[in-house]
Protein backbone atom coordinates (compact mmCIF):
# COMPACT_ATOMS: atom_id res chain seq x y z
CA MET A 1 8.56 20.83 19.39
CA GLU A 2 10.26 17.77 20.78
CA LYS A 3 11.70 15.35 18.20
CA ILE A 4 9.92 12.03 17.73
CA THR A 5 12.23 9.04 17.32
CA VAL A 6 11.16 5.67 15.89
CA LYS A 7 13.47 2.67 15.38
CA VAL A 8 12.44 0.33 12.55
CA LYS A 9 13.80 -3.02 11.43
CA LEU A 10 11.59 -4.20 8.60
CA THR A 11 10.84 -7.87 8.30
CA GLU A 12 9.97 -9.63 5.08
CA GLU A 13 6.45 -10.05 6.46
CA ASP A 14 6.12 -6.28 7.09
CA TYR A 15 7.31 -5.52 3.58
CA ARG A 16 5.12 -8.18 1.92
CA ASN A 17 1.95 -7.25 3.83
CA TRP A 18 2.43 -3.57 3.03
CA HIS A 19 2.78 -4.33 -0.70
CA LEU A 20 -0.24 -6.62 -0.64
CA SER A 21 -2.30 -3.94 1.10
CA ARG A 22 -1.32 -1.48 -1.63
CA VAL A 23 -2.14 -3.92 -4.44
CA PHE A 24 -5.53 -4.80 -2.95
CA SER A 25 -6.45 -1.21 -2.21
CA LEU A 26 -9.90 0.30 -2.38
CA ARG A 27 -9.31 1.18 -6.06
CA PHE A 28 -8.62 -2.48 -6.85
CA ARG A 29 -11.78 -3.58 -5.03
CA ILE A 30 -13.90 -0.97 -6.85
CA ILE A 31 -12.59 -2.17 -10.22
CA ASN A 32 -13.43 -5.77 -9.27
CA VAL A 33 -16.96 -4.81 -8.22
CA PHE A 34 -17.36 -2.95 -11.53
CA ILE A 35 -16.22 -6.03 -13.52
CA ILE A 36 -18.58 -8.29 -11.55
CA LEU A 37 -21.47 -5.85 -12.09
CA ILE A 38 -20.80 -5.82 -15.85
CA MET A 39 -20.83 -9.63 -15.93
CA ALA A 40 -24.00 -9.75 -13.79
CA GLY A 41 -25.68 -7.18 -16.07
CA THR A 42 -24.70 -9.15 -19.14
CA LEU A 43 -26.07 -12.34 -17.57
CA ALA A 44 -29.31 -10.56 -16.67
CA ALA A 45 -29.60 -9.25 -20.25
CA ALA A 46 -28.98 -12.74 -21.65
CA LEU A 47 -31.67 -14.20 -19.41
CA PHE A 48 -34.09 -11.34 -20.11
CA THR A 49 -33.73 -11.67 -23.90
CA GLY A 50 -34.22 -15.44 -23.71
CA ARG A 51 -30.68 -16.41 -24.69
CA GLY A 52 -30.25 -18.18 -21.36
CA PHE A 53 -27.40 -18.91 -18.99
CA TRP A 54 -25.48 -21.18 -21.37
CA SER A 55 -25.40 -18.50 -24.04
CA PHE A 56 -23.93 -16.09 -21.50
CA LEU A 57 -21.43 -18.67 -20.30
CA LYS A 58 -20.34 -19.50 -23.85
CA SER A 59 -19.64 -15.83 -24.66
CA PHE A 60 -18.10 -14.90 -21.32
CA LEU A 61 -16.19 -18.09 -20.48
CA PRO A 62 -12.80 -16.73 -21.66
CA VAL A 63 -13.35 -13.54 -19.63
CA ILE A 64 -14.40 -15.51 -16.53
CA ILE A 65 -11.39 -17.83 -16.82
CA PHE A 66 -8.98 -14.92 -17.35
CA TYR A 67 -10.49 -13.01 -14.42
CA GLY A 68 -10.32 -16.07 -12.12
CA VAL A 69 -6.68 -16.76 -13.05
CA TYR A 70 -5.89 -13.07 -12.51
CA LEU A 71 -7.43 -13.10 -9.02
CA ILE A 72 -5.41 -16.18 -8.09
CA LEU A 73 -2.10 -15.21 -9.72
CA MET A 74 -2.00 -11.56 -8.64
CA PRO A 75 -1.34 -12.20 -4.93
CA LEU A 76 1.10 -15.01 -5.76
CA LEU A 77 3.10 -12.79 -8.12
CA VAL A 78 3.19 -9.97 -5.57
CA TYR A 79 4.24 -12.42 -2.85
CA TYR A 80 7.16 -13.88 -4.81
CA ASN A 81 8.31 -10.58 -6.33
CA VAL A 82 8.31 -8.85 -2.96
CA LYS A 83 10.22 -11.79 -1.46
CA LYS A 84 12.92 -11.46 -4.15
CA ILE A 85 13.10 -7.68 -3.76
CA PHE A 86 13.37 -7.89 0.03
CA GLU A 87 16.04 -10.60 -0.05
CA SER A 88 18.12 -8.65 -2.59
CA ASP A 89 17.88 -5.26 -0.83
CA LYS A 90 20.17 -5.47 2.19
CA LEU A 91 19.65 -1.79 3.02
CA ILE A 92 15.96 -2.11 3.87
CA GLN A 93 16.75 -5.09 6.08
CA GLU A 94 18.94 -2.98 8.38
CA GLU A 95 17.67 -1.11 11.38
CA GLN A 96 16.78 2.49 10.60
CA THR A 97 16.02 5.28 13.03
CA PHE A 98 13.52 7.94 11.98
CA GLU A 99 13.62 11.29 13.74
CA PHE A 100 10.67 13.60 13.04
CA ASP A 101 10.60 17.35 13.68
CA GLU A 102 8.98 20.53 12.33
CA GLY A 103 11.23 20.68 9.25
CA GLY A 104 10.95 17.05 8.11
CA PHE A 105 12.53 13.80 9.15
CA THR A 106 15.97 12.28 9.27
CA ILE A 107 16.69 8.61 8.63
CA TYR A 108 19.76 7.27 10.39
CA ALA A 109 21.21 3.94 9.25
CA SER A 110 24.57 2.21 9.21
CA TYR A 111 24.95 3.00 5.50
CA GLY A 112 24.31 6.74 5.91
CA ASN A 113 21.85 9.40 6.95
CA SER A 114 19.21 11.30 4.97
CA TRP A 115 17.14 14.33 5.81
CA ILE A 116 13.86 14.82 3.97
CA ALA A 117 11.92 18.07 4.20
CA TRP A 118 8.15 17.85 4.45
CA ASP A 119 7.72 19.74 1.17
CA LYS A 120 9.78 17.10 -0.67
CA ILE A 121 7.29 14.34 0.12
CA PHE A 122 5.60 13.12 -3.06
CA ARG A 123 2.83 11.34 -1.15
CA ALA A 124 2.26 10.08 2.39
CA ALA A 125 -0.18 7.61 3.89
CA ALA A 126 -1.17 6.23 7.25
CA ASN A 127 -3.54 3.47 8.19
CA LYS A 128 -4.01 1.20 11.20
CA LYS A 129 -0.87 -0.82 10.34
CA TYR A 130 1.55 1.44 8.45
CA VAL A 131 2.84 4.96 8.01
CA SER A 132 4.60 5.52 4.70
CA PHE A 133 6.35 8.42 3.02
CA PHE A 134 6.85 8.38 -0.73
CA THR A 135 9.64 10.46 -2.21
CA SER A 136 8.59 9.36 -5.73
CA ARG A 137 5.98 7.12 -7.32
CA VAL A 138 8.08 4.02 -6.55
CA LYS A 139 10.28 4.89 -3.55
CA ALA A 140 8.82 4.88 -0.07
CA PHE A 141 9.96 4.82 3.52
CA LEU A 142 7.84 2.38 5.49
CA LEU A 143 7.14 2.50 9.22
CA PRO A 144 4.97 -0.32 10.52
CA ARG A 145 2.99 1.11 13.43
CA LYS A 146 4.12 -1.75 15.67
CA TYR A 147 7.52 -0.01 15.90
CA PHE A 148 6.12 3.13 17.50
CA THR A 149 6.67 3.06 21.26
CA SER A 150 3.04 4.02 21.89
CA GLU A 151 -0.17 4.88 20.11
CA GLU A 152 0.37 8.49 21.22
CA GLN A 153 3.72 8.54 19.42
CA ALA A 154 2.07 7.24 16.21
CA LYS A 155 -0.68 9.86 16.50
CA ALA A 156 1.93 12.59 17.01
CA VAL A 157 3.66 11.63 13.75
CA ILE A 158 0.32 11.45 11.92
CA ASN A 159 -0.66 14.87 13.29
CA LEU A 160 2.68 16.24 12.11
CA MET A 161 1.98 14.76 8.67
CA LYS A 162 -1.45 16.42 8.60
CA GLU A 163 0.08 19.74 9.57
CA LYS A 164 3.11 19.72 7.25
CA ILE A 165 2.08 17.80 4.11
CA GLU A 166 -0.36 19.17 1.54
CA LYS A 167 -3.80 17.57 1.86
CA LYS A 168 -3.80 16.39 -1.78
CA LYS A 169 -0.59 14.40 -1.08
CA LEU A 170 -1.91 12.80 2.10
CA LYS A 171 -4.08 9.74 2.63
CA ILE A 172 -5.02 8.97 6.23
CA SER A 173 -7.36 6.01 6.72
CA ILE A 174 -7.40 5.03 10.36
């Protein structure tokens, strides 16, 4: 197999958007729908039992306020925290070259090189914007798909991921 080489120079925008996409994942949206359904069910029960809308609002107002503040503050906190992390981490701001082959991938950078075998991947994901490889719950290598030289190159890496990484560790949503 021919090696696949991808050069990446992450921008703050790449890093921020990737984190936001992880925070507002399908799991997050399902939880929000569940919370809204509980509130709607409680409102329906209040109306059905004759307590009325104001009774519902009086009991649920703290929950509604907390939930609204949460929905507004969550993206802001992620935005500012990611900005601080990106600005403080000079290593992720440097250009990195990823070289993929049958055994794993090598990351070449000015600060050193690392080789990671496919079986050492904790989790991997690919979607229409990013390919990411987690070596732990909190450490990931991020490849925005815009850095691939072609869509065929991106598909080749994704196919390699499908072939070499256990299915339970892989999330492909393209």
